[in-house]
Amino acid sequence: MVIHEARVIGLPIIMSKFSSAEGSMLPGGQYLIGTNKEDILDGLNAFIDGRVPCEYVFDASQYNREAYEEFLCAIGEHEYSPEGTENA
């Protein structure tokens, strides 16, 4: 969630390579690093040097609609539709 919160206010994002990182990535939306100390230092230097991209488009309202739709489907309220519209 922290990644989405940072995107809502337009912050540059340095993101470590975690198991589901690909699902959280947006074009031009983050600087991906490993998890060792050299990678973390690289991410910090990239931020200082202005190399962390921040040109993403993130629609928080659309994201919330889609997340809510997935939740309703998970609890059996209705079928999932990838566009975020309800199929009650």
C-alpha atoms as a PDB file:
ATOM      1  CA  MET A   1       0.000   0.000   0.000  1.00  0.00           C
ATOM      2  CA  VAL A   2       2.793   2.469   0.712  1.00  0.00           C
ATOM      3  CA  ILE A   3       3.695   2.498  -2.980  1.00  0.00           C
ATOM      4  CA  HIS A   4       0.169   3.541  -3.956  1.00  0.00           C
ATOM      5  CA  GLU A   5       0.052   6.177  -1.239  1.00  0.00           C
ATOM      6  CA  ALA A   6       3.316   7.661  -2.537  1.00  0.00           C
ATOM      7  CA  ARG A   7       1.878   7.690  -6.057  1.00  0.00           C
ATOM      8  CA  VAL A   8      -1.247   9.544  -4.944  1.00  0.00           C
ATOM      9  CA  ILE A   9       0.894  12.511  -3.901  1.00  0.00           C
ATOM     10  CA  GLY A  10       3.345  12.181  -6.809  1.00  0.00           C
ATOM     11  CA  LEU A  11       6.496  11.135  -4.958  1.00  0.00           C
ATOM     12  CA  PRO A  12       9.477   9.479  -6.657  1.00  0.00           C
ATOM     13  CA  ILE A  13       9.614   5.812  -5.646  1.00  0.00           C
ATOM     14  CA  ILE A  14      12.628   3.624  -4.956  1.00  0.00           C
ATOM     15  CA  MET A  15      11.311   0.072  -4.813  1.00  0.00           C
ATOM     16  CA  SER A  16      13.139  -3.113  -3.868  1.00  0.00           C
ATOM     17  CA  LYS A  17      12.666  -6.281  -5.899  1.00  0.00           C
ATOM     18  CA  PHE A  18      10.118  -8.128  -3.774  1.00  0.00           C
ATOM     19  CA  SER A  19       8.112 -11.161  -4.890  1.00  0.00           C
ATOM     20  CA  SER A  20       5.159  -9.224  -6.315  1.00  0.00           C
ATOM     21  CA  ALA A  21       7.058  -6.107  -7.423  1.00  0.00           C
ATOM     22  CA  GLU A  22       6.083  -6.493 -11.087  1.00  0.00           C
ATOM     23  CA  GLY A  23       2.403  -6.162 -10.189  1.00  0.00           C
ATOM     24  CA  SER A  24       3.098  -2.811  -8.535  1.00  0.00           C
ATOM     25  CA  MET A  25       5.190  -1.268 -11.293  1.00  0.00           C
ATOM     26  CA  LEU A  26       4.079   1.491 -13.646  1.00  0.00           C
ATOM     27  CA  PRO A  27       5.927   2.798 -16.713  1.00  0.00           C
ATOM     28  CA  GLY A  28       8.179   5.649 -15.574  1.00  0.00           C
ATOM     29  CA  GLY A  29       7.026   5.107 -12.027  1.00  0.00           C
ATOM     30  CA  GLN A  30       9.854   3.769  -9.922  1.00  0.00           C
ATOM     31  CA  TYR A  31      13.540   2.991  -9.580  1.00  0.00           C
ATOM     32  CA  LEU A  32      13.923  -0.731  -8.943  1.00  0.00           C
ATOM     33  CA  ILE A  33      16.766  -1.905  -6.690  1.00  0.00           C
ATOM     34  CA  GLY A  34      17.937  -5.120  -5.059  1.00  0.00           C
ATOM     35  CA  THR A  35      18.009  -5.717  -1.329  1.00  0.00           C
ATOM     36  CA  ASN A  36      21.696  -5.638  -0.455  1.00  0.00           C
ATOM     37  CA  LYS A  37      23.438  -2.578   0.967  1.00  0.00           C
ATOM     38  CA  GLU A  38      25.122  -1.686  -2.346  1.00  0.00           C
ATOM     39  CA  ASP A  39      21.751  -1.671  -4.122  1.00  0.00           C
ATOM     40  CA  ILE A  40      20.212   0.508  -1.417  1.00  0.00           C
ATOM     41  CA  LEU A  41      23.113   2.928  -1.698  1.00  0.00           C
ATOM     42  CA  ASP A  42      22.620   2.981  -5.483  1.00  0.00           C
ATOM     43  CA  GLY A  43      18.939   3.863  -4.975  1.00  0.00           C
ATOM     44  CA  LEU A  44      19.792   6.702  -2.609  1.00  0.00           C
ATOM     45  CA  ASN A  45      22.442   8.049  -5.001  1.00  0.00           C
ATOM     46  CA  ALA A  46      19.973   7.786  -7.881  1.00  0.00           C
ATOM     47  CA  PHE A  47      17.530   9.914  -5.890  1.00  0.00           C
ATOM     48  CA  ILE A  48      20.200  12.503  -5.076  1.00  0.00           C
ATOM     49  CA  ASP A  49      21.285  12.603  -8.733  1.00  0.00           C
ATOM     50  CA  GLY A  50      17.691  12.985  -9.991  1.00  0.00           C
ATOM     51  CA  ARG A  51      17.638   9.579 -11.716  1.00  0.00           C
ATOM     52  CA  VAL A  52      14.525   8.254  -9.976  1.00  0.00           C
ATOM     53  CA  PRO A  53      11.690   8.557 -12.508  1.00  0.00           C
ATOM     54  CA  CYS A  54       8.490  10.250 -11.450  1.00  0.00           C
ATOM     55  CA  GLU A  55       6.579  10.464 -14.724  1.00  0.00           C
ATOM     56  CA  TYR A  56       3.871   7.934 -13.953  1.00  0.00           C
ATOM     57  CA  VAL A  57       0.120   8.354 -14.212  1.00  0.00           C
ATOM     58  CA  PHE A  58      -1.774   6.911 -11.253  1.00  0.00           C
ATOM     59  CA  ASP A  59      -5.529   7.277 -10.935  1.00  0.00           C
ATOM     60  CA  ALA A  60      -6.256   6.618  -7.253  1.00  0.00           C
ATOM     61  CA  SER A  61     -10.026   6.675  -7.795  1.00  0.00           C
ATOM     62  CA  GLN A  62      -9.815   4.051 -10.520  1.00  0.00           C
ATOM     63  CA  TYR A  63      -7.465   1.940  -8.408  1.00  0.00           C
ATOM     64  CA  ASN A  64      -9.930   2.095  -5.485  1.00  0.00           C
ATOM     65  CA  ARG A  65     -12.858   1.122  -7.737  1.00  0.00           C
ATOM     66  CA  GLU A  66     -10.933  -1.889  -9.059  1.00  0.00           C
ATOM     67  CA  ALA A  67      -9.765  -2.955  -5.587  1.00  0.00           C
ATOM     68  CA  TYR A  68     -13.320  -2.704  -4.253  1.00  0.00           C
ATOM     69  CA  GLU A  69     -14.608  -4.730  -7.195  1.00  0.00           C
ATOM     70  CA  GLU A  70     -12.018  -7.446  -6.535  1.00  0.00           C
ATOM     71  CA  PHE A  71     -13.002  -7.463  -2.845  1.00  0.00           C
ATOM     72  CA  LEU A  72     -16.696  -7.904  -3.677  1.00  0.00           C
ATOM     73  CA  CYS A  73     -15.817 -10.782  -5.973  1.00  0.00           C
ATOM     74  CA  ALA A  74     -13.607 -12.375  -3.315  1.00  0.00           C
ATOM     75  CA  ILE A  75     -16.496 -12.436  -0.848  1.00  0.00           C
ATOM     76  CA  GLY A  76     -18.903 -13.742  -3.483  1.00  0.00           C
ATOM     77  CA  GLU A  77     -20.999 -10.609  -3.964  1.00  0.00           C
ATOM     78  CA  HIS A  78     -20.683 -10.645  -7.761  1.00  0.00           C
ATOM     79  CA  GLU A  79     -18.435 -11.610 -10.664  1.00  0.00           C
ATOM     80  CA  TYR A  80     -15.185  -9.816 -11.364  1.00  0.00           C
ATOM     81  CA  SER A  81     -14.950  -7.596 -14.430  1.00  0.00           C
ATOM     82  CA  PRO A  82     -11.438  -6.270 -15.210  1.00  0.00           C
ATOM     83  CA  GLU A  83     -12.766  -2.836 -16.200  1.00  0.00           C
ATOM     84  CA  GLY A  84     -13.943  -2.273 -12.635  1.00  0.00           C
ATOM     85  CA  THR A  85     -17.643  -2.272 -13.520  1.00  0.00           C
ATOM     86  CA  GLU A  86     -20.107  -4.298 -11.527  1.00  0.00           C
ATOM     87  CA  ASN A  87     -21.735  -7.466 -12.845  1.00  0.00           C
ATOM     88  CA  ALA A  88     -24.255  -8.038 -10.073  1.00  0.00           C
END
